[in-house]
PDB file of N, CA and C in Angstrom:
ATOM      1  N   LEU A   1       0.689  -1.248   0.029  1.00  0.00           N
ATOM      2  CA  LEU A   1      -0.142  -0.090   0.151  1.00  0.00           C
ATOM      3  C   LEU A   1       0.906   1.442  -0.018  1.00  0.00           C
ATOM      4  N   ASP A   2       0.928   2.023  -1.125  1.00  0.00           N
ATOM      5  CA  ASP A   2       1.692   3.247  -1.166  1.00  0.00           C
ATOM      6  C   ASP A   2       0.946   4.340  -1.312  1.00  0.00           C
ATOM      7  N   ASP A   3      -0.447   4.481  -1.391  1.00  0.00           N
ATOM      8  CA  ASP A   3      -1.340   5.718  -1.425  1.00  0.00           C
ATOM      9  C   ASP A   3      -2.249   5.437  -0.826  1.00  0.00           C
ATOM     10  N   ILE A   4      -3.002   6.521  -0.077  1.00  0.00           N
ATOM     11  CA  ILE A   4      -4.424   6.500   0.417  1.00  0.00           C
ATOM     12  C   ILE A   4      -5.179   7.675  -0.424  1.00  0.00           C
ATOM     13  N   ILE A   5      -6.289   7.017  -0.928  1.00  0.00           N
ATOM     14  CA  ILE A   5      -7.220   7.904  -1.603  1.00  0.00           C
ATOM     15  C   ILE A   5      -8.470   8.025  -0.877  1.00  0.00           C
ATOM     16  N   LEU A   6      -8.723   9.376  -0.555  1.00  0.00           N
ATOM     17  CA  LEU A   6     -10.037   9.587   0.061  1.00  0.00           C
ATOM     18  C   LEU A   6     -11.299   9.738  -0.673  1.00  0.00           C
ATOM     19  N   PHE A   7     -12.346   9.290  -0.547  1.00  0.00           N
ATOM     20  CA  PHE A   7     -13.470   9.442  -1.272  1.00  0.00           C
ATOM     21  C   PHE A   7     -14.334  10.192  -0.376  1.00  0.00           C
ATOM     22  N   HIS A   8     -14.999  11.243  -0.681  1.00  0.00           N
ATOM     23  CA  HIS A   8     -15.879  12.032  -0.096  1.00  0.00           C
ATOM     24  C   HIS A   8     -17.310  11.458  -0.343  1.00  0.00           C
ATOM     25  N   ARG A   9     -18.110  11.363   0.446  1.00  0.00           N
ATOM     26  CA  ARG A   9     -19.505  10.934   0.057  1.00  0.00           C
ATOM     27  C   ARG A   9     -20.364  11.917  -0.838  1.00  0.00           C
ATOM     28  N   LEU A  10     -20.996  11.465  -1.719  1.00  0.00           N
ATOM     29  CA  LEU A  10     -21.853  12.263  -2.720  1.00  0.00           C
ATOM     30  C   LEU A  10     -22.879  12.842  -1.908  1.00  0.00           C
ATOM     31  N   LYS A  11     -23.190  14.025  -2.385  1.00  0.00           N
ATOM     32  CA  LYS A  11     -24.391  14.893  -1.877  1.00  0.00           C
ATOM     33  C   LYS A  11     -25.508  14.462  -2.877  1.00  0.00           C
ATOM     34  N   ARG A  12     -26.650  14.728  -2.371  1.00  0.00           N
ATOM     35  CA  ARG A  12     -28.042  14.588  -3.134  1.00  0.00           C
ATOM     36  C   ARG A  12     -27.841  15.508  -4.457  1.00  0.00           C
ATOM     37  N   ALA A  13     -27.405  16.633  -4.243  1.00  0.00           N
ATOM     38  CA  ALA A  13     -27.254  17.626  -5.356  1.00  0.00           C
ATOM     39  C   ALA A  13     -26.429  17.078  -6.561  1.00  0.00           C
ATOM     40  N   GLN A  14     -25.564  16.204  -6.275  1.00  0.00           N
ATOM     41  CA  GLN A  14     -24.552  15.768  -7.273  1.00  0.00           C
ATOM     42  C   GLN A  14     -25.353  14.849  -8.098  1.00  0.00           C
ATOM     43  N   MET A  15     -26.154  14.154  -7.410  1.00  0.00           N
ATOM     44  CA  MET A  15     -26.948  12.956  -8.014  1.00  0.00           C
ATOM     45  C   MET A  15     -27.606  13.251  -9.319  1.00  0.00           C
ATOM     46  N   ALA A  16     -28.137  14.490  -9.458  1.00  0.00           N
ATOM     47  CA  ALA A  16     -28.872  14.823 -10.854  1.00  0.00           C
ATOM     48  C   ALA A  16     -27.920  14.714 -12.042  1.00  0.00           C
ATOM     49  N   ALA A  17     -26.691  15.199 -11.667  1.00  0.00           N
ATOM     50  CA  ALA A  17     -25.678  15.064 -12.941  1.00  0.00           C
ATOM     51  C   ALA A  17     -25.281  13.692 -13.139  1.00  0.00           C
ATOM     52  N   ILE A  18     -25.325  12.825 -12.074  1.00  0.00           N
ATOM     53  CA  ILE A  18     -25.017  11.458 -12.282  1.00  0.00           C
ATOM     54  C   ILE A  18     -26.166  10.664 -13.164  1.00  0.00           C
ATOM     55  N   VAL A  19     -27.308  11.162 -12.687  1.00  0.00           N
ATOM     56  CA  VAL A  19     -28.478  10.723 -13.486  1.00  0.00           C
ATOM     57  C   VAL A  19     -28.367  11.034 -14.856  1.00  0.00           C
ATOM     58  N   ASP A  20     -27.986  12.318 -15.317  1.00  0.00           N
ATOM     59  CA  ASP A  20     -27.887  12.742 -16.720  1.00  0.00           C
ATOM     60  C   ASP A  20     -26.672  11.793 -17.407  1.00  0.00           C
ATOM     61  N   ILE A  21     -25.659  11.608 -16.660  1.00  0.00           N
ATOM     62  CA  ILE A  21     -24.559  10.690 -17.162  1.00  0.00           C
ATOM     63  C   ILE A  21     -25.248   9.134 -17.572  1.00  0.00           C
ATOM     64  N   GLN A  22     -25.949   8.631 -16.675  1.00  0.00           N
ATOM     65  CA  GLN A  22     -26.537   7.382 -16.819  1.00  0.00           C
ATOM     66  C   GLN A  22     -27.496   7.488 -17.990  1.00  0.00           C
ATOM     67  N   MET A  23     -28.293   8.581 -18.132  1.00  0.00           N
ATOM     68  CA  MET A  23     -29.258   8.576 -19.157  1.00  0.00           C
ATOM     69  C   MET A  23     -28.688   8.915 -20.506  1.00  0.00           C
ATOM     70  N   ALA A  24     -27.435   9.484 -20.455  1.00  0.00           N
ATOM     71  CA  ALA A  24     -26.785   9.652 -21.766  1.00  0.00           C
ATOM     72  C   ALA A  24     -26.183   8.235 -22.374  1.00  0.00           C
ATOM     73  N   ARG A  25     -26.045   7.324 -21.399  1.00  0.00           N
ATOM     74  CA  ARG A  25     -25.715   6.063 -21.836  1.00  0.00           C
ATOM     75  C   ARG A  25     -26.700   5.325 -22.447  1.00  0.00           C
ATOM     76  N   LEU A  26     -28.044   5.457 -22.002  1.00  0.00           N
ATOM     77  CA  LEU A  26     -29.167   5.067 -22.562  1.00  0.00           C
ATOM     78  C   LEU A  26     -29.695   5.599 -23.729  1.00  0.00           C
ATOM     79  N   ARG A  27     -29.616   6.887 -23.872  1.00  0.00           N
ATOM     80  CA  ARG A  27     -29.688   7.520 -24.985  1.00  0.00           C
ATOM     81  C   ARG A  27     -28.869   6.906 -26.347  1.00  0.00           C
ATOM     82  N   LYS A  28     -27.516   6.828 -25.938  1.00  0.00           N
ATOM     83  CA  LYS A  28     -26.543   6.123 -26.855  1.00  0.00           C
ATOM     84  C   LYS A  28     -27.005   4.780 -27.300  1.00  0.00           C
ATOM     85  N   LEU A  29     -27.635   3.944 -26.310  1.00  0.00           N
ATOM     86  CA  LEU A  29     -28.031   2.510 -26.656  1.00  0.00           C
ATOM     87  C   LEU A  29     -29.080   2.930 -27.672  1.00  0.00           C
ATOM     88  N   LEU A  30     -30.064   3.772 -27.427  1.00  0.00           N
ATOM     89  CA  LEU A  30     -31.225   3.818 -28.298  1.00  0.00           C
ATOM     90  C   LEU A  30     -31.047   4.530 -29.731  1.00  0.00           C
ATOM     91  N   ALA A  31     -29.879   5.242 -29.788  1.00  0.00           N
ATOM     92  CA  ALA A  31     -29.570   5.966 -31.052  1.00  0.00           C
ATOM     93  C   ALA A  31     -29.851   5.343 -32.189  1.00  0.00           C
ATOM     94  N   GLU A  32     -29.440   3.903 -32.156  1.00  0.00           N
ATOM     95  CA  GLU A  32     -29.280   3.219 -33.355  1.00  0.00           C
ATOM     96  C   GLU A  32     -30.700   3.022 -33.933  1.00  0.00           C
ATOM     97  N   ARG A  33     -31.725   2.919 -33.084  1.00  0.00           N
ATOM     98  CA  ARG A  33     -32.989   2.959 -33.417  1.00  0.00           C
ATOM     99  C   ARG A  33     -33.793   4.359 -33.645  1.00  0.00           C
ATOM    100  N   LYS A  34     -33.004   5.220 -33.429  1.00  0.00           N
ATOM    101  CA  LYS A  34     -33.466   6.743 -33.698  1.00  0.00           C
ATOM    102  C   LYS A  34     -34.610   7.219 -32.391  1.00  0.00           C
ATOM    103  N   ILE A  35     -34.397   6.404 -31.526  1.00  0.00           N
ATOM    104  CA  ILE A  35     -35.528   6.782 -30.331  1.00  0.00           C
ATOM    105  C   ILE A  35     -34.807   7.661 -29.403  1.00  0.00           C
ATOM    106  N   THR A  36     -35.312   8.761 -29.123  1.00  0.00           N
ATOM    107  CA  THR A  36     -34.966   9.923 -28.154  1.00  0.00           C
ATOM    108  C   THR A  36     -35.704   9.878 -26.925  1.00  0.00           C
ATOM    109  N   ILE A  37     -34.958  10.351 -26.025  1.00  0.00           N
ATOM    110  CA  ILE A  37     -35.584  10.476 -24.654  1.00  0.00           C
ATOM    111  C   ILE A  37     -35.406  11.751 -23.924  1.00  0.00           C
ATOM    112  N   GLU A  38     -36.567  12.295 -23.390  1.00  0.00           N
ATOM    113  CA  GLU A  38     -36.682  13.604 -22.764  1.00  0.00           C
ATOM    114  C   GLU A  38     -37.020  13.308 -21.375  1.00  0.00           C
ATOM    115  N   LEU A  39     -36.059  13.639 -20.568  1.00  0.00           N
ATOM    116  CA  LEU A  39     -36.166  13.207 -19.005  1.00  0.00           C
ATOM    117  C   LEU A  39     -36.292  14.662 -18.520  1.00  0.00           C
ATOM    118  N   ASP A  40     -37.700  14.951 -17.823  1.00  0.00           N
ATOM    119  CA  ASP A  40     -37.981  16.246 -17.233  1.00  0.00           C
ATOM    120  C   ASP A  40     -37.341  16.366 -15.764  1.00  0.00           C
ATOM    121  N   ASP A  41     -37.292  17.572 -15.341  1.00  0.00           N
ATOM    122  CA  ASP A  41     -36.659  17.639 -13.950  1.00  0.00           C
ATOM    123  C   ASP A  41     -37.356  16.939 -12.946  1.00  0.00           C
ATOM    124  N   GLN A  42     -38.715  16.626 -12.934  1.00  0.00           N
ATOM    125  CA  GLN A  42     -39.228  15.945 -11.990  1.00  0.00           C
ATOM    126  C   GLN A  42     -38.698  14.417 -11.869  1.00  0.00           C
ATOM    127  N   ALA A  43     -38.581  13.903 -13.017  1.00  0.00           N
ATOM    128  CA  ALA A  43     -38.155  12.456 -13.218  1.00  0.00           C
ATOM    129  C   ALA A  43     -36.811  12.410 -12.583  1.00  0.00           C
ATOM    130  N   ARG A  44     -36.040  13.593 -13.274  1.00  0.00           N
ATOM    131  CA  ARG A  44     -34.479  13.538 -12.789  1.00  0.00           C
ATOM    132  C   ARG A  44     -34.378  13.498 -11.344  1.00  0.00           C
ATOM    133  N   THR A  45     -35.163  14.156 -10.613  1.00  0.00           N
ATOM    134  CA  THR A  45     -35.183  14.316  -9.017  1.00  0.00           C
ATOM    135  C   THR A  45     -35.573  13.109  -8.438  1.00  0.00           C
ATOM    136  N   TRP A  46     -36.596  12.499  -9.191  1.00  0.00           N
ATOM    137  CA  TRP A  46     -37.190  11.077  -8.589  1.00  0.00           C
ATOM    138  C   TRP A  46     -36.230  10.142  -8.588  1.00  0.00           C
ATOM    139  N   LEU A  47     -35.372   9.845  -9.884  1.00  0.00           N
ATOM    140  CA  LEU A  47     -34.302   8.874 -10.025  1.00  0.00           C
ATOM    141  C   LEU A  47     -33.208   9.282  -9.007  1.00  0.00           C
ATOM    142  N   ALA A  48     -32.909  10.511  -9.044  1.00  0.00           N
ATOM    143  CA  ALA A  48     -31.693  10.986  -8.075  1.00  0.00           C
ATOM    144  C   ALA A  48     -32.028  10.535  -6.463  1.00  0.00           C
ATOM    145  N   ASN A  49     -33.292  10.672  -6.158  1.00  0.00           N
ATOM    146  CA  ASN A  49     -33.553  10.488  -4.657  1.00  0.00           C
ATOM    147  C   ASN A  49     -33.669   8.998  -4.435  1.00  0.00           C
ATOM    148  N   ARG A  50     -34.225   8.393  -5.375  1.00  0.00           N
ATOM    149  CA  ARG A  50     -34.264   6.838  -5.170  1.00  0.00           C
ATOM    150  C   ARG A  50     -33.194   6.044  -5.443  1.00  0.00           C
ATOM    151  N   GLY A  51     -32.168   6.643  -6.112  1.00  0.00           N
ATOM    152  CA  GLY A  51     -30.809   6.197  -6.384  1.00  0.00           C
ATOM    153  C   GLY A  51     -29.779   6.379  -5.323  1.00  0.00           C
ATOM    154  N   TYR A  52     -30.125   7.324  -4.408  1.00  0.00           N
ATOM    155  CA  TYR A  52     -29.218   8.028  -3.580  1.00  0.00           C
ATOM    156  C   TYR A  52     -29.091   6.986  -2.296  1.00  0.00           C
ATOM    157  N   ASP A  53     -27.717   6.925  -1.856  1.00  0.00           N
ATOM    158  CA  ASP A  53     -27.706   6.001  -0.669  1.00  0.00           C
ATOM    159  C   ASP A  53     -26.416   6.727   0.191  1.00  0.00           C
ATOM    160  N   PRO A  54     -26.491   7.230   1.223  1.00  0.00           N
ATOM    161  CA  PRO A  54     -25.614   7.785   1.868  1.00  0.00           C
ATOM    162  C   PRO A  54     -24.165   7.087   2.198  1.00  0.00           C
ATOM    163  N   THR A  55     -24.576   5.804   2.193  1.00  0.00           N
ATOM    164  CA  THR A  55     -23.285   4.932   2.456  1.00  0.00           C
ATOM    165  C   THR A  55     -22.604   4.656   0.974  1.00  0.00           C
ATOM    166  N   TYR A  56     -23.399   4.266   0.155  1.00  0.00           N
ATOM    167  CA  TYR A  56     -23.013   3.814  -1.214  1.00  0.00           C
ATOM    168  C   TYR A  56     -22.976   4.851  -2.216  1.00  0.00           C
ATOM    169  N   GLY A  57     -23.409   6.050  -2.070  1.00  0.00           N
ATOM    170  CA  GLY A  57     -23.418   6.952  -3.025  1.00  0.00           C
ATOM    171  C   GLY A  57     -24.264   6.802  -4.195  1.00  0.00           C
ATOM    172  N   ALA A  58     -23.782   6.628  -5.287  1.00  0.00           N
ATOM    173  CA  ALA A  58     -24.445   6.454  -6.627  1.00  0.00           C
ATOM    174  C   ALA A  58     -24.770   4.969  -7.020  1.00  0.00           C
ATOM    175  N   ARG A  59     -24.146   4.110  -6.203  1.00  0.00           N
ATOM    176  CA  ARG A  59     -23.990   2.677  -6.769  1.00  0.00           C
ATOM    177  C   ARG A  59     -25.497   2.126  -7.078  1.00  0.00           C
ATOM    178  N   PRO A  60     -26.442   2.628  -6.289  1.00  0.00           N
ATOM    179  CA  PRO A  60     -27.843   1.860  -6.480  1.00  0.00           C
ATOM    180  C   PRO A  60     -28.681   2.669  -7.549  1.00  0.00           C
ATOM    181  N   LEU A  61     -28.080   3.814  -7.989  1.00  0.00           N
ATOM    182  CA  LEU A  61     -28.685   4.475  -9.030  1.00  0.00           C
ATOM    183  C   LEU A  61     -28.844   3.827 -10.424  1.00  0.00           C
ATOM    184  N   LYS A  62     -27.882   3.030 -10.735  1.00  0.00           N
ATOM    185  CA  LYS A  62     -27.871   2.286 -12.017  1.00  0.00           C
ATOM    186  C   LYS A  62     -29.063   1.272 -11.987  1.00  0.00           C
ATOM    187  N   ARG A  63     -29.351   0.495 -10.783  1.00  0.00           N
ATOM    188  CA  ARG A  63     -30.208  -0.414 -10.808  1.00  0.00           C
ATOM    189  C   ARG A  63     -31.733   0.173 -10.837  1.00  0.00           C
ATOM    190  N   VAL A  64     -31.902   1.467 -10.025  1.00  0.00           N
ATOM    191  CA  VAL A  64     -32.989   2.218 -10.135  1.00  0.00           C
ATOM    192  C   VAL A  64     -33.356   2.762 -11.508  1.00  0.00           C
ATOM    193  N   ILE A  65     -32.395   3.221 -12.345  1.00  0.00           N
ATOM    194  CA  ILE A  65     -32.708   3.531 -13.685  1.00  0.00           C
ATOM    195  C   ILE A  65     -33.238   2.270 -14.553  1.00  0.00           C
ATOM    196  N   GLN A  66     -32.327   1.108 -14.258  1.00  0.00           N
ATOM    197  CA  GLN A  66     -32.760  -0.076 -15.006  1.00  0.00           C
ATOM    198  C   GLN A  66     -34.194  -0.386 -14.812  1.00  0.00           C
ATOM    199  N   LYS A  67     -34.580  -0.599 -13.558  1.00  0.00           N
ATOM    200  CA  LYS A  67     -35.956  -1.158 -13.117  1.00  0.00           C
ATOM    201  C   LYS A  67     -37.019  -0.042 -13.541  1.00  0.00           C
ATOM    202  N   SER A  68     -36.759   1.203 -13.286  1.00  0.00           N
ATOM    203  CA  SER A  68     -37.719   2.202 -13.470  1.00  0.00           C
ATOM    204  C   SER A  68     -37.698   2.844 -14.810  1.00  0.00           C
ATOM    205  N   VAL A  69     -36.697   2.751 -15.664  1.00  0.00           N
ATOM    206  CA  VAL A  69     -36.819   3.244 -17.042  1.00  0.00           C
ATOM    207  C   VAL A  69     -36.294   2.267 -18.075  1.00  0.00           C
ATOM    208  N   GLN A  70     -35.231   1.604 -17.905  1.00  0.00           N
ATOM    209  CA  GLN A  70     -34.837   0.957 -19.024  1.00  0.00           C
ATOM    210  C   GLN A  70     -35.756  -0.334 -19.271  1.00  0.00           C
ATOM    211  N   ASP A  71     -35.991  -1.081 -18.117  1.00  0.00           N
ATOM    212  CA  ASP A  71     -36.921  -2.390 -18.430  1.00  0.00           C
ATOM    213  C   ASP A  71     -38.242  -2.007 -18.917  1.00  0.00           C
ATOM    214  N   PRO A  72     -38.892  -0.929 -18.258  1.00  0.00           N
ATOM    215  CA  PRO A  72     -40.233  -0.647 -18.800  1.00  0.00           C
ATOM    216  C   PRO A  72     -40.147  -0.280 -20.319  1.00  0.00           C
ATOM    217  N   LEU A  73     -39.249   0.428 -20.692  1.00  0.00           N
ATOM    218  CA  LEU A  73     -39.009   1.145 -22.007  1.00  0.00           C
ATOM    219  C   LEU A  73     -38.842  -0.100 -22.899  1.00  0.00           C
ATOM    220  N   ALA A  74     -37.930  -1.091 -22.447  1.00  0.00           N
ATOM    221  CA  ALA A  74     -37.640  -2.050 -23.263  1.00  0.00           C
ATOM    222  C   ALA A  74     -39.015  -2.963 -23.612  1.00  0.00           C
ATOM    223  N   GLU A  75     -39.890  -3.024 -22.616  1.00  0.00           N
ATOM    224  CA  GLU A  75     -41.056  -3.835 -22.771  1.00  0.00           C
ATOM    225  C   GLU A  75     -42.044  -2.923 -23.701  1.00  0.00           C
ATOM    226  N   MET A  76     -41.946  -1.604 -23.563  1.00  0.00           N
ATOM    227  CA  MET A  76     -42.686  -0.693 -24.607  1.00  0.00           C
ATOM    228  C   MET A  76     -42.190  -0.968 -26.099  1.00  0.00           C
ATOM    229  N   ILE A  77     -41.038  -1.143 -26.314  1.00  0.00           N
ATOM    230  CA  ILE A  77     -40.313  -1.333 -27.493  1.00  0.00           C
ATOM    231  C   ILE A  77     -40.771  -2.654 -27.984  1.00  0.00           C
ATOM    232  N   LEU A  78     -40.672  -3.806 -27.244  1.00  0.00           N
ATOM    233  CA  LEU A  78     -41.107  -5.096 -27.722  1.00  0.00           C
ATOM    234  C   LEU A  78     -42.594  -5.236 -28.105  1.00  0.00           C
ATOM    235  N   SER A  79     -43.308  -4.434 -27.336  1.00  0.00           N
ATOM    236  CA  SER A  79     -44.729  -4.406 -27.490  1.00  0.00           C
ATOM    237  C   SER A  79     -45.407  -3.529 -28.581  1.00  0.00           C
ATOM    238  N   GLY A  80     -44.334  -2.594 -29.126  1.00  0.00           N
ATOM    239  CA  GLY A  80     -44.792  -1.959 -30.226  1.00  0.00           C
ATOM    240  C   GLY A  80     -45.418  -0.503 -29.623  1.00  0.00           C
ATOM    241  N   LYS A  81     -45.398  -0.203 -28.358  1.00  0.00           N
ATOM    242  CA  LYS A  81     -45.894   0.901 -27.956  1.00  0.00           C
ATOM    243  C   LYS A  81     -44.965   2.202 -28.258  1.00  0.00           C
ATOM    244  N   VAL A  82     -43.555   1.699 -28.280  1.00  0.00           N
ATOM    245  CA  VAL A  82     -42.431   2.695 -28.734  1.00  0.00           C
ATOM    246  C   VAL A  82     -41.767   2.017 -29.979  1.00  0.00           C
ATOM    247  N   GLN A  83     -41.727   2.835 -30.851  1.00  0.00           N
ATOM    248  CA  GLN A  83     -41.063   2.371 -32.155  1.00  0.00           C
ATOM    249  C   GLN A  83     -39.844   3.224 -32.589  1.00  0.00           C
ATOM    250  N   ASP A  84     -39.376   2.517 -33.507  1.00  0.00           N
ATOM    251  CA  ASP A  84     -38.137   3.252 -34.006  1.00  0.00           C
ATOM    252  C   ASP A  84     -38.379   4.753 -34.564  1.00  0.00           C
ATOM    253  N   GLY A  85     -37.583   5.760 -34.100  1.00  0.00           N
ATOM    254  CA  GLY A  85     -37.716   7.063 -34.652  1.00  0.00           C
ATOM    255  C   GLY A  85     -38.676   7.814 -33.597  1.00  0.00           C
ATOM    256  N   ASP A  86     -39.286   7.125 -32.617  1.00  0.00           N
ATOM    257  CA  ASP A  86     -40.242   7.690 -31.688  1.00  0.00           C
ATOM    258  C   ASP A  86     -39.345   8.606 -30.648  1.00  0.00           C
ATOM    259  N   ALA A  87     -39.992   9.618 -29.986  1.00  0.00           N
ATOM    260  CA  ALA A  87     -39.589  10.534 -28.931  1.00  0.00           C
ATOM    261  C   ALA A  87     -40.174   9.964 -27.656  1.00  0.00           C
ATOM    262  N   VAL A  88     -39.518   9.703 -26.656  1.00  0.00           N
ATOM    263  CA  VAL A  88     -40.143   9.199 -25.236  1.00  0.00           C
ATOM    264  C   VAL A  88     -39.845  10.278 -24.365  1.00  0.00           C
ATOM    265  N   ALA A  89     -41.213  10.753 -23.647  1.00  0.00           N
ATOM    266  CA  ALA A  89     -41.116  11.554 -22.672  1.00  0.00           C
ATOM    267  C   ALA A  89     -41.409  10.917 -21.240  1.00  0.00           C
ATOM    268  N   ILE A  90     -40.159  11.193 -20.507  1.00  0.00           N
ATOM    269  CA  ILE A  90     -40.383  10.656 -19.138  1.00  0.00           C
ATOM    270  C   ILE A  90     -40.411  11.642 -17.913  1.00  0.00           C
ATOM    271  N   THR A  91     -41.504  11.536 -17.208  1.00  0.00           N
ATOM    272  CA  THR A  91     -41.871  12.390 -16.139  1.00  0.00           C
ATOM    273  C   THR A  91     -42.349  11.721 -14.932  1.00  0.00           C
ATOM    274  N   THR A  92     -42.876  12.303 -13.892  1.00  0.00           N
ATOM    275  CA  THR A  92     -43.524  11.464 -12.799  1.00  0.00           C
ATOM    276  C   THR A  92     -44.903  12.010 -12.678  1.00  0.00           C
ATOM    277  N   ARG A  93     -45.741  11.219 -11.952  1.00  0.00           N
ATOM    278  CA  ARG A  93     -47.135  11.596 -11.611  1.00  0.00           C
ATOM    279  C   ARG A  93     -47.373  10.640 -10.453  1.00  0.00           C
ATOM    280  N   ASP A  94     -47.927  11.255  -9.368  1.00  0.00           N
ATOM    281  CA  ASP A  94     -48.345  10.395  -8.165  1.00  0.00           C
ATOM    282  C   ASP A  94     -47.212   9.601  -7.764  1.00  0.00           C
ATOM    283  N   GLY A  95     -46.161  10.044  -7.581  1.00  0.00           N
ATOM    284  CA  GLY A  95     -44.990   9.374  -6.974  1.00  0.00           C
ATOM    285  C   GLY A  95     -44.403   8.219  -7.815  1.00  0.00           C
ATOM    286  N   ALA A  96     -44.832   8.205  -9.219  1.00  0.00           N
ATOM    287  CA  ALA A  96     -44.282   7.070  -9.958  1.00  0.00           C
ATOM    288  C   ALA A  96     -43.774   7.712 -11.217  1.00  0.00           C
ATOM    289  N   ILE A  97     -42.836   6.925 -12.026  1.00  0.00           N
ATOM    290  CA  ILE A  97     -42.296   7.251 -13.271  1.00  0.00           C
ATOM    291  C   ILE A  97     -43.297   7.197 -14.201  1.00  0.00           C
ATOM    292  N   VAL A  98     -43.601   8.150 -15.172  1.00  0.00           N
ATOM    293  CA  VAL A  98     -44.425   8.028 -16.310  1.00  0.00           C
ATOM    294  C   VAL A  98     -43.634   8.112 -17.675  1.00  0.00           C
ATOM    295  N   ILE A  99     -43.814   7.050 -18.400  1.00  0.00           N
ATOM    296  CA  ILE A  99     -43.099   6.980 -19.783  1.00  0.00           C
ATOM    297  C   ILE A  99     -44.155   7.202 -20.862  1.00  0.00           C
ATOM    298  N   ASN A 100     -44.108   8.238 -21.469  1.00  0.00           N
ATOM    299  CA  ASN A 100     -45.152   8.371 -22.633  1.00  0.00           C
ATOM    300  C   ASN A 100     -46.495   8.433 -22.133  1.00  0.00           C
ATOM    301  N   GLY A 101     -46.754   8.937 -20.917  1.00  0.00           N
ATOM    302  CA  GLY A 101     -48.255   8.983 -20.439  1.00  0.00           C
ATOM    303  C   GLY A 101     -48.677   7.743 -19.408  1.00  0.00           C
ATOM    304  N   GLU A 102     -47.644   6.688 -19.733  1.00  0.00           N
ATOM    305  CA  GLU A 102     -47.935   5.431 -19.073  1.00  0.00           C
ATOM    306  C   GLU A 102     -47.246   5.147 -17.779  1.00  0.00           C
ATOM    307  N   ALA A 103     -48.053   5.089 -16.521  1.00  0.00           N
ATOM    308  CA  ALA A 103     -47.304   4.954 -15.352  1.00  0.00           C
ATOM    309  C   ALA A 103     -46.503   3.626 -15.353  1.00  0.00           C
ATOM    310  N   VAL A 104     -45.271   3.635 -14.661  1.00  0.00           N
ATOM    311  CA  VAL A 104     -44.513   2.472 -14.360  1.00  0.00           C
ATOM    312  C   VAL A 104     -44.708   1.741 -13.241  1.00  0.00           C
ATOM    313  N   LYS A 105     -45.023   0.521 -13.154  1.00  0.00           N
ATOM    314  CA  LYS A 105     -45.152  -0.226 -11.915  1.00  0.00           C
ATOM    315  C   LYS A 105     -43.946  -0.256 -11.219  1.00  0.00           C
ATOM    316  N   ALA A 106     -43.848   0.059  -9.846  1.00  0.00           N
ATOM    317  CA  ALA A 106     -42.572  -0.058  -9.104  1.00  0.00           C
ATOM    318  C   ALA A 106     -42.154  -1.653  -9.043  1.00  0.00           C
ATOM    319  N   ALA A 107     -41.016  -1.738  -9.357  1.00  0.00           N
ATOM    320  CA  ALA A 107     -40.434  -3.266  -9.437  1.00  0.00           C
ATOM    321  C   ALA A 107     -39.965  -3.432  -7.972  1.00  0.00           C
ATOM    322  N   ALA A 108     -40.042  -4.576  -7.620  1.00  0.00           N
ATOM    323  CA  ALA A 108     -39.743  -5.135  -6.305  1.00  0.00           C
ATOM    324  C   ALA A 108     -38.334  -5.283  -6.157  1.00  0.00           C
TER     325      ALA A 108
END
């Protein structure tokens, strides 16, 4: 051991930027199908709050995005509700993520 690296805990305010980074990765995956995603501030805050852990920082965020956005969006693509070239709007309503007007059921 020749160096000590200190990591400071993330603050909730930093989580929104990390949400944007993770969503940029999803946008890149969907670019091949020309599907665009618009995440509003409510949804960004919702994901940041649920993906934040004081001890683990942003580690849980990836799973929250997967269960709340990626998996439901994949189901919508497979069912034909979202097609190549579509624009997808993500927001919140009544404490839940809403994709193109359709509430996403919370995954266990």
